């Protein structure tokens, strides 16, 4: 189970426990929307703080890749100013979700058999 799945499960269990307490006015059907709201607001921050985000969402990883590319370009005499590195990093981080969405759609449309068959 991934760190994100573990967090989601623990949050949902904690919300269910709180909702089932006689001290709260929430109803059992409130567990799902409350859990979804809590998960959406804190799980990404927890994953980022603990470095558990996927590698392609890591600014450190992209920064390191960009530094390596800049070093390789410098070997061939091509300058890569630090301001431009920051702009490229921002563009990469903006493009990653777009690329992920496109790959997901392509995978769905290109699939001919169900998963596991």
PDB file of N, CA and C in Angstrom:
ATOM      1  N   UNK A   1       0.845  -1.171   0.000  1.00  0.00           N
ATOM      2  CA  UNK A   1       0.000   0.000   0.000  1.00  0.00           C
ATOM      3  C   UNK A   1       0.895   1.239   0.000  1.00  0.00           C
ATOM      4  N   UNK A   2       0.583   2.219  -0.867  1.00  0.00           N
ATOM      5  CA  UNK A   2       1.396   3.429  -0.958  1.00  0.00           C
ATOM      6  C   UNK A   2       1.163   4.323   0.254  1.00  0.00           C
ATOM      7  N   UNK A   3       2.054   5.286   0.436  1.00  0.00           N
ATOM      8  CA  UNK A   3       1.918   6.222   1.548  1.00  0.00           C
ATOM      9  C   UNK A   3       0.606   6.993   1.432  1.00  0.00           C
ATOM     10  N   UNK A   4       0.231   7.365   0.208  1.00  0.00           N
ATOM     11  CA  UNK A   4      -1.018   8.105   0.008  1.00  0.00           C
ATOM     12  C   UNK A   4      -2.225   7.242   0.380  1.00  0.00           C
ATOM     13  N   UNK A   5      -2.225   6.001  -0.029  1.00  0.00           N
ATOM     14  CA  UNK A   5      -3.335   5.103   0.306  1.00  0.00           C
ATOM     15  C   UNK A   5      -3.422   4.886   1.815  1.00  0.00           C
ATOM     16  N   UNK A   6      -2.277   4.741   2.475  1.00  0.00           N
ATOM     17  CA  UNK A   6      -2.251   4.568   3.924  1.00  0.00           C
ATOM     18  C   UNK A   6      -2.834   5.785   4.625  1.00  0.00           C
ATOM     19  N   UNK A   7      -2.414   6.980   4.193  1.00  0.00           N
ATOM     20  CA  UNK A   7      -2.949   8.208   4.786  1.00  0.00           C
ATOM     21  C   UNK A   7      -4.449   8.319   4.563  1.00  0.00           C
ATOM     22  N   UNK A   8      -4.896   8.059   3.334  1.00  0.00           N
ATOM     23  CA  UNK A   8      -6.327   8.131   3.033  1.00  0.00           C
ATOM     24  C   UNK A   8      -7.124   7.191   3.925  1.00  0.00           C
ATOM     25  N   UNK A   9      -6.627   5.976   4.089  1.00  0.00           N
ATOM     26  CA  UNK A   9      -7.311   4.986   4.921  1.00  0.00           C
ATOM     27  C   UNK A   9      -7.366   5.429   6.386  1.00  0.00           C
ATOM     28  N   UNK A  10      -6.259   5.911   6.907  1.00  0.00           N
ATOM     29  CA  UNK A  10      -6.218   6.349   8.308  1.00  0.00           C
ATOM     30  C   UNK A  10      -7.132   7.550   8.539  1.00  0.00           C
ATOM     31  N   UNK A  11      -7.154   8.488   7.594  1.00  0.00           N
ATOM     32  CA  UNK A  11      -8.030   9.653   7.737  1.00  0.00           C
ATOM     33  C   UNK A  11      -9.489   9.218   7.706  1.00  0.00           C
ATOM     34  N   UNK A  12      -9.839   8.354   6.769  1.00  0.00           N
ATOM     35  CA  UNK A  12     -11.223   7.879   6.673  1.00  0.00           C
ATOM     36  C   UNK A  12     -11.632   7.141   7.941  1.00  0.00           C
ATOM     37  N   UNK A  13     -10.744   6.304   8.470  1.00  0.00           N
ATOM     38  CA  UNK A  13     -11.054   5.586   9.712  1.00  0.00           C
ATOM     39  C   UNK A  13     -11.229   6.540  10.886  1.00  0.00           C
ATOM     40  N   UNK A  14     -10.376   7.566  10.965  1.00  0.00           N
ATOM     41  CA  UNK A  14     -10.484   8.533  12.055  1.00  0.00           C
ATOM     42  C   UNK A  14     -11.776   9.332  11.951  1.00  0.00           C
ATOM     43  N   UNK A  15     -12.142   9.734  10.742  1.00  0.00           N
ATOM     44  CA  UNK A  15     -13.395  10.477  10.556  1.00  0.00           C
ATOM     45  C   UNK A  15     -14.580   9.587  10.909  1.00  0.00           C
ATOM     46  N   UNK A  16     -14.550   8.330  10.484  1.00  0.00           N
ATOM     47  CA  UNK A  16     -15.645   7.397  10.800  1.00  0.00           C
ATOM     48  C   UNK A  16     -15.764   7.216  12.309  1.00  0.00           C
ATOM     49  N   UNK A  17     -14.648   7.101  12.979  1.00  0.00           N
ATOM     50  CA  UNK A  17     -14.654   6.954  14.432  1.00  0.00           C
ATOM     51  C   UNK A  17     -15.253   8.193  15.097  1.00  0.00           C
ATOM     52  N   UNK A  18     -14.868   9.373  14.615  1.00  0.00           N
ATOM     53  CA  UNK A  18     -15.396  10.610  15.192  1.00  0.00           C
ATOM     54  C   UNK A  18     -16.891  10.750  14.926  1.00  0.00           C
ATOM     55  N   UNK A  19     -17.313  10.387  13.713  1.00  0.00           N
ATOM     56  CA  UNK A  19     -18.731  10.491  13.365  1.00  0.00           C
ATOM     57  C   UNK A  19     -19.569   9.518  14.197  1.00  0.00           C
ATOM     58  N   UNK A  20     -19.037   8.357  14.481  1.00  0.00           N
ATOM     59  CA  UNK A  20     -19.771   7.352  15.258  1.00  0.00           C
ATOM     60  C   UNK A  20     -19.807   7.653  16.748  1.00  0.00           C
ATOM     61  N   UNK A  21     -19.061   8.647  17.175  1.00  0.00           N
ATOM     62  CA  UNK A  21     -19.054   9.031  18.582  1.00  0.00           C
ATOM     63  C   UNK A  21     -20.372   9.719  18.929  1.00  0.00           C
ATOM     64  N   UNK A  22     -20.939   9.388  20.082  1.00  0.00           N
ATOM     65  CA  UNK A  22     -22.191  10.045  20.475  1.00  0.00           C
ATOM     66  C   UNK A  22     -22.007  11.543  20.753  1.00  0.00           C
ATOM     67  N   UNK A  23     -20.773  11.994  20.882  1.00  0.00           N
ATOM     68  CA  UNK A  23     -20.520  13.408  21.169  1.00  0.00           C
ATOM     69  C   UNK A  23     -20.615  14.292  19.929  1.00  0.00           C
ATOM     70  N   UNK A  24     -20.724  13.691  18.735  1.00  0.00           N
ATOM     71  CA  UNK A  24     -20.810  14.488  17.513  1.00  0.00           C
ATOM     72  C   UNK A  24     -22.202  14.405  16.912  1.00  0.00           C
ATOM     73  N   UNK A  25     -22.553  15.452  16.177  1.00  0.00           N
ATOM     74  CA  UNK A  25     -23.876  15.506  15.553  1.00  0.00           C
ATOM     75  C   UNK A  25     -23.846  14.985  14.117  1.00  0.00           C
ATOM     76  N   UNK A  26     -22.694  14.561  13.635  1.00  0.00           N
ATOM     77  CA  UNK A  26     -22.583  14.071  12.262  1.00  0.00           C
ATOM     78  C   UNK A  26     -23.253  12.712  12.126  1.00  0.00           C
ATOM     79  N   UNK A  27     -23.664  12.419  10.898  1.00  0.00           N
ATOM     80  CA  UNK A  27     -24.330  11.146  10.605  1.00  0.00           C
ATOM     81  C   UNK A  27     -23.355  10.240   9.847  1.00  0.00           C
ATOM     82  N   UNK A  28     -23.579   8.928   9.866  1.00  0.00           N
ATOM     83  CA  UNK A  28     -22.685   8.011   9.154  1.00  0.00           C
ATOM     84  C   UNK A  28     -22.500   8.357   7.669  1.00  0.00           C
ATOM     85  N   UNK A  29     -23.530   8.884   7.028  1.00  0.00           N
ATOM     86  CA  UNK A  29     -23.396   9.240   5.604  1.00  0.00           C
ATOM     87  C   UNK A  29     -22.498  10.471   5.392  1.00  0.00           C
ATOM     88  N   UNK A  30     -22.133  11.144   6.488  1.00  0.00           N
ATOM     89  CA  UNK A  30     -21.235  12.301   6.403  1.00  0.00           C
ATOM     90  C   UNK A  30     -19.765  11.895   6.335  1.00  0.00           C
ATOM     91  N   UNK A  31     -19.455  10.629   6.613  1.00  0.00           N
ATOM     92  CA  UNK A  31     -18.059  10.180   6.643  1.00  0.00           C
ATOM     93  C   UNK A  31     -17.367  10.421   5.304  1.00  0.00           C
ATOM     94  N   UNK A  32     -18.011  10.017   4.208  1.00  0.00           N
ATOM     95  CA  UNK A  32     -17.364  10.120   2.896  1.00  0.00           C
ATOM     96  C   UNK A  32     -17.055  11.570   2.508  1.00  0.00           C
ATOM     97  N   UNK A  33     -18.024  12.514   2.583  1.00  0.00           N
ATOM     98  CA  UNK A  33     -17.675  13.887   2.193  1.00  0.00           C
ATOM     99  C   UNK A  33     -16.682  14.556   3.141  1.00  0.00           C
ATOM    100  N   UNK A  34     -16.779  14.270   4.426  1.00  0.00           N
ATOM    101  CA  UNK A  34     -15.823  14.857   5.378  1.00  0.00           C
ATOM    102  C   UNK A  34     -14.425  14.317   5.099  1.00  0.00           C
ATOM    103  N   UNK A  35     -14.319  13.006   4.915  1.00  0.00           N
ATOM    104  CA  UNK A  35     -13.021  12.390   4.625  1.00  0.00           C
ATOM    105  C   UNK A  35     -12.430  12.950   3.337  1.00  0.00           C
ATOM    106  N   UNK A  36     -13.252  13.070   2.307  1.00  0.00           N
ATOM    107  CA  UNK A  36     -12.770  13.580   1.021  1.00  0.00           C
ATOM    108  C   UNK A  36     -12.236  15.002   1.172  1.00  0.00           C
ATOM    109  N   UNK A  37     -12.925  15.810   1.937  1.00  0.00           N
ATOM    110  CA  UNK A  37     -12.488  17.192   2.150  1.00  0.00           C
ATOM    111  C   UNK A  37     -11.167  17.249   2.914  1.00  0.00           C
ATOM    112  N   UNK A  38     -11.060  16.462   3.961  1.00  0.00           N
ATOM    113  CA  UNK A  38      -9.829  16.439   4.761  1.00  0.00           C
ATOM    114  C   UNK A  38      -8.671  15.901   3.927  1.00  0.00           C
ATOM    115  N   UNK A  39      -8.908  14.818   3.197  1.00  0.00           N
ATOM    116  CA  UNK A  39      -7.865  14.209   2.367  1.00  0.00           C
ATOM    117  C   UNK A  39      -7.378  15.199   1.310  1.00  0.00           C
ATOM    118  N   UNK A  40      -8.306  15.875   0.638  1.00  0.00           N
ATOM    119  CA  UNK A  40      -7.927  16.817  -0.413  1.00  0.00           C
ATOM    120  C   UNK A  40      -7.114  17.984   0.130  1.00  0.00           C
ATOM    121  N   UNK A  41      -7.386  18.370   1.374  1.00  0.00           N
ATOM    122  CA  UNK A  41      -6.697  19.541   1.901  1.00  0.00           C
ATOM    123  C   UNK A  41      -5.359  19.235   2.558  1.00  0.00           C
ATOM    124  N   UNK A  42      -5.156  18.024   3.099  1.00  0.00           N
ATOM    125  CA  UNK A  42      -3.906  17.797   3.825  1.00  0.00           C
ATOM    126  C   UNK A  42      -2.986  16.719   3.249  1.00  0.00           C
ATOM    127  N   UNK A  43      -3.502  15.733   2.562  1.00  0.00           N
ATOM    128  CA  UNK A  43      -2.639  14.643   2.085  1.00  0.00           C
ATOM    129  C   UNK A  43      -1.540  15.139   1.147  1.00  0.00           C
ATOM    130  N   UNK A  44      -1.834  15.997   0.152  1.00  0.00           N
ATOM    131  CA  UNK A  44      -0.736  16.467  -0.708  1.00  0.00           C
ATOM    132  C   UNK A  44       0.369  17.181   0.075  1.00  0.00           C
ATOM    133  N   UNK A  45      -0.008  17.945   1.094  1.00  0.00           N
ATOM    134  CA  UNK A  45       0.995  18.643   1.897  1.00  0.00           C
ATOM    135  C   UNK A  45       1.821  17.660   2.718  1.00  0.00           C
ATOM    136  N   UNK A  46       1.178  16.651   3.262  1.00  0.00           N
ATOM    137  CA  UNK A  46       1.901  15.645   4.049  1.00  0.00           C
ATOM    138  C   UNK A  46       2.868  14.878   3.148  1.00  0.00           C
ATOM    139  N   UNK A  47       2.392  14.466   1.967  1.00  0.00           N
ATOM    140  CA  UNK A  47       3.254  13.721   1.049  1.00  0.00           C
ATOM    141  C   UNK A  47       4.439  14.561   0.610  1.00  0.00           C
ATOM    142  N   UNK A  48       4.199  15.839   0.351  1.00  0.00           N
ATOM    143  CA  UNK A  48       5.303  16.726  -0.046  1.00  0.00           C
ATOM    144  C   UNK A  48       6.285  16.913   1.111  1.00  0.00           C
ATOM    145  N   UNK A  49       5.763  17.111   2.319  1.00  0.00           N
ATOM    146  CA  UNK A  49       6.623  17.348   3.483  1.00  0.00           C
ATOM    147  C   UNK A  49       7.475  16.129   3.817  1.00  0.00           C
ATOM    148  N   UNK A  50       6.968  14.942   3.504  1.00  0.00           N
ATOM    149  CA  UNK A  50       7.701  13.718   3.828  1.00  0.00           C
ATOM    150  C   UNK A  50       8.422  13.141   2.612  1.00  0.00           C
ATOM    151  N   UNK A  51       8.451  13.894   1.509  1.00  0.00           N
ATOM    152  CA  UNK A  51       9.106  13.456   0.271  1.00  0.00           C
ATOM    153  C   UNK A  51       8.544  12.144  -0.255  1.00  0.00           C
ATOM    154  N   UNK A  52       7.232  11.972  -0.157  1.00  0.00           N
ATOM    155  CA  UNK A  52       6.607  10.761  -0.662  1.00  0.00           C
ATOM    156  C   UNK A  52       5.836  10.988  -1.952  1.00  0.00           C
ATOM    157  N   UNK A  53       5.978  12.192  -2.553  1.00  0.00           N
ATOM    158  CA  UNK A  53       5.306  12.415  -3.820  1.00  0.00           C
ATOM    159  C   UNK A  53       6.045  11.633  -4.905  1.00  0.00           C
ATOM    160  N   UNK A  54       5.359  11.321  -6.013  1.00  0.00           N
ATOM    161  CA  UNK A  54       6.035  10.636  -7.114  1.00  0.00           C
ATOM    162  C   UNK A  54       7.200  11.475  -7.633  1.00  0.00           C
ATOM    163  N   UNK A  55       8.216  10.843  -8.189  1.00  0.00           N
ATOM    164  CA  UNK A  55       9.429  11.542  -8.590  1.00  0.00           C
ATOM    165  C   UNK A  55       9.142  12.671  -9.570  1.00  0.00           C
ATOM    166  N   UNK A  56       8.157  12.485 -10.454  1.00  0.00           N
ATOM    167  CA  UNK A  56       7.901  13.507 -11.465  1.00  0.00           C
ATOM    168  C   UNK A  56       7.220  14.745 -10.880  1.00  0.00           C
ATOM    169  N   UNK A  57       6.765  14.686  -9.629  1.00  0.00           N
ATOM    170  CA  UNK A  57       6.173  15.846  -8.977  1.00  0.00           C
ATOM    171  C   UNK A  57       7.163  16.526  -8.036  1.00  0.00           C
ATOM    172  N   UNK A  58       8.370  16.031  -7.985  1.00  0.00           N
ATOM    173  CA  UNK A  58       9.372  16.559  -7.073  1.00  0.00           C
ATOM    174  C   UNK A  58      10.165  17.688  -7.726  1.00  0.00           C
ATOM    175  N   UNK A  59      10.095  18.874  -7.129  1.00  0.00           N
ATOM    176  CA  UNK A  59      10.879  20.003  -7.635  1.00  0.00           C
ATOM    177  C   UNK A  59      12.378  19.736  -7.477  1.00  0.00           C
ATOM    178  N   UNK A  60      12.740  19.002  -6.439  1.00  0.00           N
ATOM    179  CA  UNK A  60      14.155  18.679  -6.226  1.00  0.00           C
ATOM    180  C   UNK A  60      14.668  17.816  -7.379  1.00  0.00           C
ATOM    181  N   UNK A  61      13.895  16.801  -7.762  1.00  0.00           N
ATOM    182  CA  UNK A  61      14.295  15.934  -8.865  1.00  0.00           C
ATOM    183  C   UNK A  61      14.439  16.722 -10.155  1.00  0.00           C
ATOM    184  N   UNK A  62      13.434  17.538 -10.470  1.00  0.00           N
ATOM    185  CA  UNK A  62      13.489  18.317 -11.707  1.00  0.00           C
ATOM    186  C   UNK A  62      14.614  19.344 -11.658  1.00  0.00           C
ATOM    187  N   UNK A  63      14.840  19.927 -10.491  1.00  0.00           N
ATOM    188  CA  UNK A  63      15.949  20.867 -10.340  1.00  0.00           C
ATOM    189  C   UNK A  63      17.286  20.188 -10.591  1.00  0.00           C
ATOM    190  N   UNK A  64      17.439  18.955 -10.067  1.00  0.00           N
ATOM    191  CA  UNK A  64      18.678  18.203 -10.273  1.00  0.00           C
ATOM    192  C   UNK A  64      18.853  17.839 -11.749  1.00  0.00           C
ATOM    193  N   UNK A  65      17.770  17.406 -12.387  1.00  0.00           N
ATOM    194  CA  UNK A  65      17.838  17.070 -13.814  1.00  0.00           C
ATOM    195  C   UNK A  65      18.225  18.304 -14.622  1.00  0.00           C
ATOM    196  N   UNK A  66      17.601  19.425 -14.288  1.00  0.00           N
ATOM    197  CA  UNK A  66      17.902  20.675 -14.991  1.00  0.00           C
ATOM    198  C   UNK A  66      19.351  21.100 -14.774  1.00  0.00           C
ATOM    199  N   UNK A  67      19.859  20.905 -13.566  1.00  0.00           N
ATOM    200  CA  UNK A  67      21.260  21.230 -13.283  1.00  0.00           C
ATOM    201  C   UNK A  67      22.199  20.350 -14.095  1.00  0.00           C
ATOM    202  N   UNK A  68      21.865  19.062 -14.203  1.00  0.00           N
ATOM    203  CA  UNK A  68      22.685  18.149 -15.011  1.00  0.00           C
ATOM    204  C   UNK A  68      22.681  18.566 -16.479  1.00  0.00           C
ATOM    205  N   UNK A  69      21.500  18.920 -16.985  1.00  0.00           N
ATOM    206  CA  UNK A  69      21.408  19.360 -18.376  1.00  0.00           C
ATOM    207  C   UNK A  69      22.233  20.634 -18.571  1.00  0.00           C
ATOM    208  N   UNK A  70      22.123  21.565 -17.622  1.00  0.00           N
ATOM    209  CA  UNK A  70      22.892  22.815 -17.712  1.00  0.00           C
ATOM    210  C   UNK A  70      24.391  22.525 -17.701  1.00  0.00           C
ATOM    211  N   UNK A  71      24.802  21.565 -16.874  1.00  0.00           N
ATOM    212  CA  UNK A  71      26.235  21.210 -16.822  1.00  0.00           C
ATOM    213  C   UNK A  71      26.708  20.604 -18.136  1.00  0.00           C
ATOM    214  N   UNK A  72      25.900  19.745 -18.693  1.00  0.00           N
ATOM    215  CA  UNK A  72      26.258  19.123 -19.976  1.00  0.00           C
ATOM    216  C   UNK A  72      26.330  20.185 -21.066  1.00  0.00           C
ATOM    217  N   UNK A  73      25.364  21.108 -21.073  1.00  0.00           N
ATOM    218  CA  UNK A  73      25.392  22.183 -22.062  1.00  0.00           C
ATOM    219  C   UNK A  73      26.614  23.080 -21.872  1.00  0.00           C
ATOM    220  N   UNK A  74      26.995  23.314 -20.607  1.00  0.00           N
ATOM    221  CA  UNK A  74      28.166  24.152 -20.321  1.00  0.00           C
ATOM    222  C   UNK A  74      29.444  23.525 -20.864  1.00  0.00           C
ATOM    223  N   UNK A  75      29.509  22.203 -20.849  1.00  0.00           N
ATOM    224  CA  UNK A  75      30.679  21.502 -21.402  1.00  0.00           C
ATOM    225  C   UNK A  75      30.863  21.869 -22.875  1.00  0.00           C
ATOM    226  N   UNK A  76      29.737  22.063 -23.571  1.00  0.00           N
ATOM    227  CA  UNK A  76      29.786  22.414 -24.995  1.00  0.00           C
ATOM    228  C   UNK A  76      29.739  23.919 -25.224  1.00  0.00           C
ATOM    229  N   UNK A  77      29.899  24.699 -24.130  1.00  0.00           N
ATOM    230  CA  UNK A  77      29.971  26.152 -24.249  1.00  0.00           C
ATOM    231  C   UNK A  77      28.635  26.857 -24.368  1.00  0.00           C
ATOM    232  N   UNK A  78      27.552  26.168 -24.027  1.00  0.00           N
ATOM    233  CA  UNK A  78      26.223  26.786 -24.104  1.00  0.00           C
ATOM    234  C   UNK A  78      25.845  27.270 -22.712  1.00  0.00           C
ATOM    235  N   UNK A  79      25.586  28.577 -22.584  1.00  0.00           N
ATOM    236  CA  UNK A  79      25.243  29.163 -21.277  1.00  0.00           C
ATOM    237  C   UNK A  79      23.772  28.900 -20.962  1.00  0.00           C
ATOM    238  N   UNK A  80      23.493  28.690 -19.685  1.00  0.00           N
ATOM    239  CA  UNK A  80      22.142  28.419 -19.214  1.00  0.00           C
ATOM    240  C   UNK A  80      21.948  29.207 -17.922  1.00  0.00           C
ATOM    241  N   UNK A  81      21.538  30.489 -18.006  1.00  0.00           N
ATOM    242  CA  UNK A  81      21.447  31.344 -16.818  1.00  0.00           C
ATOM    243  C   UNK A  81      20.485  30.797 -15.766  1.00  0.00           C
ATOM    244  N   UNK A  82      20.760  31.125 -14.511  1.00  0.00           N
ATOM    245  CA  UNK A  82      19.934  30.605 -13.422  1.00  0.00           C
ATOM    246  C   UNK A  82      18.492  31.087 -13.503  1.00  0.00           C
ATOM    247  N   UNK A  83      18.251  32.311 -14.022  1.00  0.00           N
ATOM    248  CA  UNK A  83      16.875  32.794 -14.168  1.00  0.00           C
ATOM    249  C   UNK A  83      16.108  31.903 -15.141  1.00  0.00           C
ATOM    250  N   UNK A  84      16.781  31.512 -16.218  1.00  0.00           N
ATOM    251  CA  UNK A  84      16.154  30.647 -17.203  1.00  0.00           C
ATOM    252  C   UNK A  84      15.894  29.266 -16.613  1.00  0.00           C
ATOM    253  N   UNK A  85      16.802  28.783 -15.761  1.00  0.00           N
ATOM    254  CA  UNK A  85      16.589  27.489 -15.106  1.00  0.00           C
ATOM    255  C   UNK A  85      15.305  27.519 -14.287  1.00  0.00           C
ATOM    256  N   UNK A  86      15.090  28.616 -13.550  1.00  0.00           N
ATOM    257  CA  UNK A  86      13.868  28.748 -12.749  1.00  0.00           C
ATOM    258  C   UNK A  86      12.628  28.772 -13.616  1.00  0.00           C
ATOM    259  N   UNK A  87      12.698  29.463 -14.753  1.00  0.00           N
ATOM    260  CA  UNK A  87      11.554  29.521 -15.665  1.00  0.00           C
ATOM    261  C   UNK A  87      11.268  28.153 -16.283  1.00  0.00           C
ATOM    262  N   UNK A  88      12.313  27.449 -16.658  1.00  0.00           N
ATOM    263  CA  UNK A  88      12.142  26.113 -17.233  1.00  0.00           C
ATOM    264  C   UNK A  88      11.556  25.159 -16.192  1.00  0.00           C
ATOM    265  N   UNK A  89      12.049  25.238 -14.948  1.00  0.00           N
ATOM    266  CA  UNK A  89      11.526  24.391 -13.881  1.00  0.00           C
ATOM    267  C   UNK A  89      10.036  24.659 -13.665  1.00  0.00           C
ATOM    268  N   UNK A  90       9.647  25.919 -13.652  1.00  0.00           N
ATOM    269  CA  UNK A  90       8.230  26.267 -13.489  1.00  0.00           C
ATOM    270  C   UNK A  90       7.411  25.711 -14.649  1.00  0.00           C
ATOM    271  N   UNK A  91       7.921  25.819 -15.861  1.00  0.00           N
ATOM    272  CA  UNK A  91       7.213  25.289 -17.026  1.00  0.00           C
ATOM    273  C   UNK A  91       7.077  23.773 -16.958  1.00  0.00           C
ATOM    274  N   UNK A  92       8.136  23.088 -16.523  1.00  0.00           N
ATOM    275  CA  UNK A  92       8.085  21.626 -16.398  1.00  0.00           C
ATOM    276  C   UNK A  92       7.031  21.227 -15.369  1.00  0.00           C
ATOM    277  N   UNK A  93       7.030  21.897 -14.217  1.00  0.00           N
ATOM    278  CA  UNK A  93       6.077  21.554 -13.160  1.00  0.00           C
ATOM    279  C   UNK A  93       4.643  21.833 -13.606  1.00  0.00           C
ATOM    280  N   UNK A  94       4.438  22.813 -14.456  1.00  0.00           N
ATOM    281  CA  UNK A  94       3.103  23.094 -14.988  1.00  0.00           C
ATOM    282  C   UNK A  94       2.715  22.068 -16.048  1.00  0.00           C
ATOM    283  N   UNK A  95       3.686  21.557 -16.795  1.00  0.00           N
ATOM    284  CA  UNK A  95       3.405  20.626 -17.878  1.00  0.00           C
ATOM    285  C   UNK A  95       3.180  19.193 -17.408  1.00  0.00           C
ATOM    286  N   UNK A  96       3.756  18.811 -16.276  1.00  0.00           N
ATOM    287  CA  UNK A  96       3.663  17.423 -15.808  1.00  0.00           C
ATOM    288  C   UNK A  96       2.211  16.960 -15.639  1.00  0.00           C
ATOM    289  N   UNK A  97       1.323  17.724 -14.964  1.00  0.00           N
ATOM    290  CA  UNK A  97      -0.070  17.264 -14.860  1.00  0.00           C
ATOM    291  C   UNK A  97      -0.763  17.181 -16.222  1.00  0.00           C
ATOM    292  N   UNK A  98      -0.452  18.104 -17.109  1.00  0.00           N
ATOM    293  CA  UNK A  98      -1.033  18.083 -18.447  1.00  0.00           C
ATOM    294  C   UNK A  98      -0.603  16.824 -19.192  1.00  0.00           C
ATOM    295  N   UNK A  99       0.684  16.527 -19.143  1.00  0.00           N
ATOM    296  CA  UNK A  99       1.203  15.325 -19.811  1.00  0.00           C
ATOM    297  C   UNK A  99       0.605  14.071 -19.181  1.00  0.00           C
ATOM    298  N   UNK A 100       0.516  14.051 -17.856  1.00  0.00           N
ATOM    299  CA  UNK A 100      -0.082  12.900 -17.170  1.00  0.00           C
ATOM    300  C   UNK A 100      -1.523  12.666 -17.597  1.00  0.00           C
ATOM    301  N   UNK A 101      -2.288  13.745 -17.711  1.00  0.00           N
ATOM    302  CA  UNK A 101      -3.678  13.633 -18.159  1.00  0.00           C
ATOM    303  C   UNK A 101      -3.778  13.109 -19.578  1.00  0.00           C
ATOM    304  N   UNK A 102      -2.910  13.612 -20.450  1.00  0.00           N
ATOM    305  CA  UNK A 102      -2.919  13.148 -21.837  1.00  0.00           C
ATOM    306  C   UNK A 102      -2.528  11.678 -21.954  1.00  0.00           C
ATOM    307  N   UNK A 103      -1.524  11.266 -21.182  1.00  0.00           N
ATOM    308  CA  UNK A 103      -1.107   9.853 -21.197  1.00  0.00           C
ATOM    309  C   UNK A 103      -2.232   8.970 -20.663  1.00  0.00           C
ATOM    310  N   UNK A 104      -2.917   9.438 -19.623  1.00  0.00           N
ATOM    311  CA  UNK A 104      -4.038   8.675 -19.065  1.00  0.00           C
ATOM    312  C   UNK A 104      -5.144   8.500 -20.103  1.00  0.00           C
ATOM    313  N   UNK A 105      -5.502   9.590 -20.777  1.00  0.00           N
ATOM    314  CA  UNK A 105      -6.538   9.499 -21.810  1.00  0.00           C
ATOM    315  C   UNK A 105      -6.103   8.579 -22.945  1.00  0.00           C
ATOM    316  N   UNK A 106      -4.860   8.724 -23.375  1.00  0.00           N
ATOM    317  CA  UNK A 106      -4.369   7.853 -24.433  1.00  0.00           C
ATOM    318  C   UNK A 106      -4.441   6.384 -24.004  1.00  0.00           C
ATOM    319  N   UNK A 107      -3.998   6.109 -22.783  1.00  0.00           N
ATOM    320  CA  UNK A 107      -4.028   4.736 -22.276  1.00  0.00           C
ATOM    321  C   UNK A 107      -5.437   4.177 -22.235  1.00  0.00           C
ATOM    322  N   UNK A 108      -6.378   5.009 -21.852  1.00  0.00           N
ATOM    323  CA  UNK A 108      -7.770   4.556 -21.775  1.00  0.00           C
ATOM    324  C   UNK A 108      -8.319   4.288 -23.164  1.00  0.00           C
ATOM    325  N   UNK A 109      -8.051   5.198 -24.100  1.00  0.00           N
ATOM    326  CA  UNK A 109      -8.591   5.052 -25.450  1.00  0.00           C
ATOM    327  C   UNK A 109      -7.886   3.967 -26.243  1.00  0.00           C
ATOM    328  N   UNK A 110      -6.619   3.729 -25.949  1.00  0.00           N
ATOM    329  CA  UNK A 110      -5.853   2.728 -26.693  1.00  0.00           C
ATOM    330  C   UNK A 110      -6.044   1.314 -26.144  1.00  0.00           C
ATOM    331  N   UNK A 111      -6.552   1.199 -24.915  1.00  0.00           N
ATOM    332  CA  UNK A 111      -6.700  -0.120 -24.282  1.00  0.00           C
ATOM    333  C   UNK A 111      -7.735  -0.955 -25.066  1.00  0.00           C
ATOM    334  N   UNK A 112      -7.355  -2.173 -25.336  1.00  0.00           N
ATOM    335  CA  UNK A 112      -8.252  -3.088 -26.082  1.00  0.00           C
ATOM    336  C   UNK A 112      -8.774  -4.215 -25.193  1.00  0.00           C
ATOM    337  N   UNK A 113      -8.084  -4.488 -24.088  1.00  0.00           N
ATOM    338  CA  UNK A 113      -8.523  -5.547 -23.196  1.00  0.00           C
ATOM    339  C   UNK A 113      -8.529  -5.003 -21.752  1.00  0.00           C
ATOM    340  N   UNK A 114      -9.363  -5.563 -20.887  1.00  0.00           N
ATOM    341  CA  UNK A 114      -9.379  -5.137 -19.495  1.00  0.00           C
ATOM    342  C   UNK A 114      -8.049  -5.433 -18.804  1.00  0.00           C
ATOM    343  N   UNK A 115      -7.741  -4.694 -17.759  1.00  0.00           N
ATOM    344  CA  UNK A 115      -6.522  -4.923 -16.983  1.00  0.00           C
ATOM    345  C   UNK A 115      -6.555  -6.321 -16.398  1.00  0.00           C
ATOM    346  N   UNK A 116      -5.444  -7.034 -16.480  1.00  0.00           N
ATOM    347  CA  UNK A 116      -5.363  -8.367 -15.908  1.00  0.00           C
ATOM    348  C   UNK A 116      -5.713  -9.483 -16.868  1.00  0.00           C
ATOM    349  N   UNK A 117      -6.071  -9.151 -18.079  1.00  0.00           N
ATOM    350  CA  UNK A 117      -6.435 -10.201 -19.048  1.00  0.00           C
ATOM    351  C   UNK A 117      -5.343 -10.377 -20.066  1.00  0.00           C
TER     352      UNK A 117
END
